[in-house]
Amino acid sequence: MREETLRSLILRAKSGDSEALQTVIERFRPLIKKYTRQADLKDAHDLEQELILRLIVLVRSYREELPYGFMELVEQEWAKNSRLSN
């Protein structure tokens, strides 16, 4: 079976497909883990949940006409988190 593109998964998730949303989250899991490794151990779980919530918000508000890709959008949004800049 051919792997579905991130773009098509995002569009499906945006239209309410919970399975597609879960797949998007799983595709971002390595990046989520990368960011949580930068946090204090006691904050890692909370940060992981916060990043997933932000990812969901970004999926639901995604606009195809943006001049940059979804990955860049996610990284920009997550970089705003003050706990990641310490």
Protein backbone atom coordinates (compact mmCIF):
# COMPACT_ATOMS: atom_id res chain seq x y z
CA MET A 1 0.00 0.00 0.00
CA ARG A 2 1.31 3.47 -0.93
CA GLU A 3 1.96 5.77 1.99
CA GLU A 4 -0.38 8.73 2.07
CA THR A 5 1.18 12.17 1.77
CA LEU A 6 1.26 14.46 4.78
CA ARG A 7 -0.73 17.05 2.85
CA SER A 8 -3.59 14.66 2.12
CA LEU A 9 -3.60 13.44 5.73
CA ILE A 10 -3.78 17.02 6.98
CA LEU A 11 -6.67 17.82 4.66
CA ARG A 12 -8.54 14.70 5.79
CA ALA A 13 -7.83 15.47 9.45
CA LYS A 14 -8.93 19.06 8.98
CA SER A 15 -12.25 17.83 7.63
CA GLY A 16 -12.81 15.71 10.75
CA ASP A 17 -11.16 12.35 9.98
CA SER A 18 -9.88 11.26 13.40
CA GLU A 19 -7.84 8.37 11.95
CA ALA A 20 -6.00 10.80 9.67
CA LEU A 21 -5.36 13.12 12.63
CA GLN A 22 -3.90 10.24 14.64
CA THR A 23 -1.64 9.36 11.70
CA VAL A 24 -0.44 12.97 11.48
CA ILE A 25 0.39 12.91 15.20
CA GLU A 26 2.30 9.65 14.78
CA ARG A 27 4.26 11.09 11.86
CA PHE A 28 5.31 13.97 14.09
CA ARG A 29 6.12 11.74 17.07
CA PRO A 30 9.92 11.74 16.39
CA LEU A 31 9.95 15.54 16.27
CA ILE A 32 7.82 15.69 19.43
CA LYS A 33 10.35 13.42 21.17
CA LYS A 34 13.20 15.64 19.96
CA TYR A 35 11.59 18.71 21.53
CA THR A 36 10.67 16.95 24.79
CA ARG A 37 14.26 15.74 25.26
CA GLN A 38 15.21 19.42 25.55
CA ALA A 39 12.88 19.91 28.52
CA ASP A 40 13.39 19.01 32.16
CA LEU A 41 12.38 15.42 32.79
CA LYS A 42 9.56 16.50 35.10
CA ASP A 43 8.13 18.71 32.33
CA ALA A 44 8.57 16.28 29.43
CA HIS A 45 5.11 14.67 29.58
CA ASP A 46 3.32 18.01 29.93
CA LEU A 47 5.34 19.43 27.07
CA GLU A 48 4.54 16.42 24.88
CA GLN A 49 0.82 16.94 25.48
CA GLU A 50 1.13 20.66 24.80
CA LEU A 51 2.95 20.04 21.51
CA ILE A 52 0.31 17.54 20.41
CA LEU A 53 -2.45 20.04 21.21
CA ARG A 54 -0.63 22.73 19.23
CA LEU A 55 -0.23 20.29 16.35
CA ILE A 56 -3.98 19.62 16.36
CA VAL A 57 -4.71 23.36 16.33
CA LEU A 58 -2.32 23.81 13.40
CA VAL A 59 -3.96 20.97 11.47
CA ARG A 60 -7.42 22.44 12.01
CA SER A 61 -6.33 25.93 10.96
CA TYR A 62 -4.03 24.88 8.09
CA ARG A 63 -4.39 26.85 4.86
CA GLU A 64 -3.00 25.36 1.68
CA GLU A 65 -2.12 28.76 0.23
CA LEU A 66 0.60 29.40 2.83
CA PRO A 67 3.99 30.09 1.20
CA TYR A 68 5.75 27.48 3.32
CA GLY A 69 5.14 23.87 4.24
CA PHE A 70 3.33 22.43 7.20
CA MET A 71 6.56 21.17 8.79
CA GLU A 72 7.96 24.71 8.85
CA LEU A 73 4.70 25.97 10.33
CA VAL A 74 4.88 23.38 13.11
CA GLU A 75 8.52 24.10 13.91
CA GLN A 76 7.87 27.87 14.01
CA GLU A 77 4.91 27.41 16.34
CA TRP A 78 6.70 24.99 18.64
CA ALA A 79 9.80 27.22 18.78
CA LYS A 80 7.62 29.90 20.40
CA ASN A 81 7.40 27.71 23.50
CA SER A 82 9.54 29.34 26.18
CA ARG A 83 10.33 25.98 27.78
CA LEU A 84 12.16 24.99 24.59
CA SER A 85 14.39 28.04 24.50
CA ASN A 86 16.04 27.43 27.88
